[in-house]
C-alpha cells in the first residue's frame, strides 16, 4: 500500500514543491491550502492525490484536517507542517505588531502545527511515521525577520525537539529551517535577495525544490530525529 503524506500550505511555493517531490518518491499526497482552492485542486489532480481546504488559524478546522485525510486515504505516514504566515511590517519595526497580529501569527505558525501533530499521532504511531516542521533561519538566528515571526519559528523548533524526545522511536520528528527561498511571496524583497547573493557562500537564495529535496531526505532517513536542519546556503557562517 502506498504511503500517504499530508503537506500543509501546498498549493504553491515550498509546499507545492514538497508535494511534487513526495509524490515522485511514490507517496500519495494530500494537498492543503487555506484559500487557493483552484491551484490546490489542480495540483492534487496532477499528483493523483486529494485536496483539503482549511483555515489553520481556526482551531476546529486545524483539528479536522487530519481526520479528513484519514477518511480519504485510510492512513497517514508523513505530516509536513509547511503552512505559515509572516507579517508585512519592516523587520526592525517594534511598534508595527499589535497583540492581535501576534495571536494570528502564533495561531497559524505554532498552534496549528501542534494541533495537527496531536491529531496525527495515532495514525503516525501505527505507520511508524514522520513529522517534518518547516521553520526558518529566523527561528535559529535572532535576526532577519519580524520579532513575532522569528519567535513563532523558534518555538516550533523547540516543540520539534520536545516531540522527538517524547515520541521516539515510533514517530520521528524533525524541522527544516530554510533561509530566504525564491518564491512569488519573496520576489519583492530585493534587499534580502541582494544580501543573500552577496553574503552567503552559495551566492543565491534557495529554490523551493532545494527545500523539498531536504524534506524528502529527512522523511526517508529512519534514524534522524530531533534535528533542526538549517538550509541557508551557508549564510550562518558569515
Protein backbone atom coordinates (compact mmCIF):
# COMPACT_ATOMS: atom_id res chain seq x y z
CA UNK A 1 0.00 0.00 0.00
CA UNK A 2 1.31 3.44 -0.91
CA UNK A 3 2.35 5.72 1.91
CA UNK A 4 0.31 8.87 2.45
CA UNK A 5 1.72 12.34 3.15
CA UNK A 6 -0.14 15.47 4.21
CA UNK A 7 1.65 18.69 3.24
CA UNK A 8 0.02 21.82 4.60
CA UNK A 9 0.19 25.05 2.62
CA UNK A 10 0.95 23.07 -0.52
CA UNK A 11 -0.88 24.92 -3.29
CA UNK A 12 2.27 26.90 -4.16
CA UNK A 13 5.88 27.61 -3.21
CA UNK A 14 7.76 25.26 -0.89
CA UNK A 15 4.64 23.25 -0.15
CA UNK A 16 3.87 22.56 -3.81
CA UNK A 17 7.49 21.58 -4.49
CA UNK A 18 7.39 19.24 -1.48
CA UNK A 19 4.11 17.69 -2.58
CA UNK A 20 5.59 17.02 -6.03
CA UNK A 21 8.79 15.57 -4.56
CA UNK A 22 6.99 13.21 -2.16
CA UNK A 23 4.68 12.10 -4.97
CA UNK A 24 7.78 11.39 -7.09
CA UNK A 25 9.05 9.34 -4.14
CA UNK A 26 5.98 7.13 -4.54
CA UNK A 27 3.64 8.62 -1.95
CA UNK A 28 0.01 9.62 -2.22
CA UNK A 29 -0.11 13.29 -1.26
CA UNK A 30 -2.91 15.20 0.44
CA UNK A 31 -2.66 18.80 -0.72
CA UNK A 32 -3.90 21.57 1.59
CA UNK A 33 -4.46 25.29 1.32
CA UNK A 34 -6.43 27.98 3.10
CA UNK A 35 -7.77 29.88 0.09
CA UNK A 36 -6.01 28.84 -3.14
CA UNK A 37 -8.61 26.21 -3.95
CA UNK A 38 -8.18 26.14 -7.74
CA UNK A 39 -4.40 25.75 -7.51
CA UNK A 40 -4.74 23.11 -4.79
CA UNK A 41 -7.31 21.08 -6.70
CA UNK A 42 -5.16 21.26 -9.85
CA UNK A 43 -2.06 20.06 -8.00
CA UNK A 44 -3.92 17.23 -6.29
CA UNK A 45 -5.27 16.13 -9.67
CA UNK A 46 -1.79 16.32 -11.21
CA UNK A 47 -0.35 14.15 -8.45
CA UNK A 48 -3.26 11.73 -8.10
CA UNK A 49 -3.84 12.77 -4.51
CA UNK A 50 -6.57 14.67 -2.69
CA UNK A 51 -7.28 18.29 -1.87
CA UNK A 52 -8.32 19.63 1.55
CA UNK A 53 -9.22 23.23 2.35
CA UNK A 54 -8.90 24.61 5.89
CA UNK A 55 -8.02 27.85 7.64
CA UNK A 56 -5.41 26.73 10.14
CA UNK A 57 -5.96 29.84 12.26
CA UNK A 58 -9.25 28.17 13.24
CA UNK A 59 -8.63 25.51 15.89
CA UNK A 60 -11.58 23.37 14.83
CA UNK A 61 -10.57 23.48 11.17
CA UNK A 62 -6.96 22.60 12.01
CA UNK A 63 -8.05 19.70 14.22
CA UNK A 64 -10.38 18.38 11.49
CA UNK A 65 -7.76 18.34 8.72
CA UNK A 66 -6.07 15.07 9.67
CA UNK A 67 -9.38 13.18 10.10
CA UNK A 68 -10.35 14.43 6.64
CA UNK A 69 -7.18 12.95 5.16
CA UNK A 70 -7.67 9.67 7.04
CA UNK A 71 -11.25 9.44 5.80
CA UNK A 72 -9.97 9.84 2.23
CA UNK A 73 -6.93 7.57 2.36
CA UNK A 74 -7.21 5.35 5.44
CA UNK A 75 -3.69 6.00 6.70
CA UNK A 76 -1.06 8.69 7.27
CA UNK A 77 2.69 8.17 7.15
CA UNK A 78 4.11 11.69 6.80
CA UNK A 79 2.98 15.06 8.11
CA UNK A 80 4.75 18.13 6.74
CA UNK A 81 3.75 21.26 8.66
CA UNK A 82 4.65 23.78 5.99
CA UNK A 83 1.81 26.32 6.17
CA UNK A 84 2.82 29.58 7.81
CA UNK A 85 2.46 33.33 7.64
CA UNK A 86 4.84 36.23 8.11
CA UNK A 87 3.89 39.83 8.75
CA UNK A 88 4.13 42.76 6.31
CA UNK A 89 5.97 45.16 8.59
CA UNK A 90 9.61 46.30 8.44
CA UNK A 91 11.90 43.87 10.21
CA UNK A 92 13.04 46.45 12.75
CA UNK A 93 9.60 47.97 13.38
CA UNK A 94 8.94 47.04 17.01
CA UNK A 95 5.79 49.18 17.05
CA UNK A 96 4.19 47.61 14.00
CA UNK A 97 2.79 44.42 15.57
CA UNK A 98 -0.38 44.53 17.63
CA UNK A 99 -1.48 41.87 20.10
CA UNK A 100 -3.99 40.63 17.52
CA UNK A 101 -1.18 40.36 14.95
CA UNK A 102 0.80 38.22 17.39
CA UNK A 103 -2.18 35.96 18.07
CA UNK A 104 -2.94 35.40 14.39
CA UNK A 105 0.67 34.61 13.61
CA UNK A 106 1.07 32.23 16.56
CA UNK A 107 -2.23 30.54 15.74
CA UNK A 108 -1.00 29.62 12.25
CA UNK A 109 2.73 29.11 12.85
CA UNK A 110 2.71 27.38 16.23
CA UNK A 111 -0.72 26.30 17.50
CA UNK A 112 -1.90 24.78 14.21
CA UNK A 113 1.21 22.55 13.81
CA UNK A 114 0.71 21.39 17.39
CA UNK A 115 -2.95 20.54 16.74
CA UNK A 116 -2.04 18.70 13.54
CA UNK A 117 0.72 16.74 15.27
CA UNK A 118 -1.53 15.62 18.09
CA UNK A 119 -4.36 14.72 15.69
CA UNK A 120 -1.96 12.70 13.54
CA UNK A 121 -0.25 10.79 16.33
CA UNK A 122 -2.41 7.62 16.38
CA UNK A 123 -2.03 7.17 12.61
CA UNK A 124 1.68 8.02 12.64
CA UNK A 125 2.34 5.61 15.50
CA UNK A 126 0.55 2.88 13.57
CA UNK A 127 2.63 3.51 10.44
CA UNK A 128 5.97 4.34 12.12
CA UNK A 129 5.68 7.72 10.51
CA UNK A 130 7.49 11.02 10.39
CA UNK A 131 6.74 14.68 11.08
CA UNK A 132 8.69 17.48 9.41
CA UNK A 133 8.08 21.04 10.59
CA UNK A 134 9.13 23.77 8.17
CA UNK A 135 10.53 26.55 10.34
CA UNK A 136 13.03 29.25 9.41
CA UNK A 137 16.58 30.53 9.62
CA UNK A 138 14.98 33.39 11.58
CA UNK A 139 13.98 30.90 14.29
CA UNK A 140 17.61 29.85 14.73
CA UNK A 141 19.41 33.18 14.26
CA UNK A 142 17.71 36.13 16.02
CA UNK A 143 17.62 38.48 13.06
CA UNK A 144 16.24 38.79 9.56
CA UNK A 145 12.52 38.94 10.23
CA UNK A 146 9.82 40.40 12.45
CA UNK A 147 10.05 39.59 16.14
CA UNK A 148 6.76 37.70 16.22
CA UNK A 149 7.59 35.59 13.15
CA UNK A 150 11.05 34.68 14.43
CA UNK A 151 9.66 33.85 17.88
CA UNK A 152 6.97 31.60 16.41
CA UNK A 153 9.53 29.66 14.39
CA UNK A 154 11.95 29.40 17.32
CA UNK A 155 9.12 27.98 19.42
CA UNK A 156 8.27 25.44 16.71
CA UNK A 157 11.92 24.38 16.59
CA UNK A 158 11.77 23.68 20.31
CA UNK A 159 8.45 21.86 20.02
CA UNK A 160 10.09 19.70 17.35
CA UNK A 161 12.79 18.59 19.77
CA UNK A 162 10.36 18.03 22.64
CA UNK A 163 8.09 15.90 20.47
CA UNK A 164 11.02 13.88 19.12
CA UNK A 165 12.13 13.07 22.66
CA UNK A 166 8.61 12.07 23.66
CA UNK A 167 7.61 10.08 20.59
CA UNK A 168 10.75 8.11 19.68
CA UNK A 169 11.18 5.50 18.40
CA UNK A 170 7.68 5.13 16.96
CA UNK A 171 7.45 8.60 15.35
CA UNK A 172 10.37 10.70 14.15
CA UNK A 173 10.10 14.49 14.37
CA UNK A 174 12.46 16.94 12.68
CA UNK A 175 12.49 20.51 11.41
CA UNK A 176 13.87 22.04 8.24
CA UNK A 177 14.81 25.72 8.68
CA UNK A 178 15.28 27.46 5.32
CA UNK A 179 16.73 30.88 4.84
CA UNK A 180 15.44 33.04 2.01
CA UNK A 181 13.57 30.97 -0.59
CA UNK A 182 12.82 32.33 -4.05
CA UNK A 183 9.02 32.29 -4.25
CA UNK A 184 6.40 34.76 -5.53
CA UNK A 185 5.97 35.89 -1.91
CA UNK A 186 9.64 36.84 -1.53
CA UNK A 187 10.19 38.19 -5.05
CA UNK A 188 9.59 41.83 -3.97
CA UNK A 189 12.19 41.53 -1.17
CA UNK A 190 15.00 42.90 -3.31
CA UNK A 191 17.19 43.95 -0.38
CA UNK A 192 17.04 40.47 1.13
CA UNK A 193 17.75 38.89 -2.26
CA UNK A 194 20.85 41.05 -2.67
CA UNK A 195 22.01 40.22 0.86
CA UNK A 196 21.80 36.51 0.15
CA UNK A 197 23.66 36.89 -3.13
CA UNK A 198 26.45 38.96 -1.61
CA UNK A 199 26.78 37.27 1.79
CA UNK A 200 26.06 33.55 1.51
CA UNK A 201 28.72 31.16 0.22
CA UNK A 202 26.19 29.77 -2.29
CA UNK A 203 25.56 33.26 -3.66
CA UNK A 204 21.82 32.88 -4.11
CA UNK A 205 18.52 32.30 -2.37
CA UNK A 206 17.18 28.75 -2.20
CA UNK A 207 14.69 27.43 -4.72
CA UNK A 208 11.57 25.62 -3.44
CA UNK A 209 12.94 22.38 -4.87
CA UNK A 210 16.05 22.75 -2.67
CA UNK A 211 13.85 22.70 0.41
CA UNK A 212 11.68 19.89 -0.95
CA UNK A 213 14.75 17.73 -1.59
CA UNK A 214 15.87 18.16 2.02
CA UNK A 215 12.40 17.39 3.37
CA UNK A 216 12.37 14.20 1.30
CA UNK A 217 15.76 13.17 2.67
CA UNK A 218 14.62 13.81 6.24
CA UNK A 219 11.43 11.81 5.71
CA UNK A 220 13.35 8.82 4.36
CA UNK A 221 16.16 8.73 6.93
CA UNK A 222 14.95 6.22 9.50
CA UNK A 223 17.48 7.22 12.20
CA UNK A 224 17.13 11.01 12.11
CA UNK A 225 15.02 12.64 14.81
CA UNK A 226 15.04 15.75 16.97
CA UNK A 227 17.08 17.78 14.50
CA UNK A 228 16.60 21.34 13.25
CA UNK A 229 18.44 21.48 9.92
CA UNK A 230 19.45 24.88 8.58
CA UNK A 231 19.21 25.33 4.83
CA UNK A 232 20.56 28.83 4.28
CA UNK A 233 23.28 28.43 1.67
CA UNK A 234 25.90 28.80 4.41
CA UNK A 235 24.82 32.31 5.43
CA UNK A 236 25.15 31.30 9.09
CA UNK A 237 28.90 31.02 8.54
CA UNK A 238 29.10 34.76 7.91
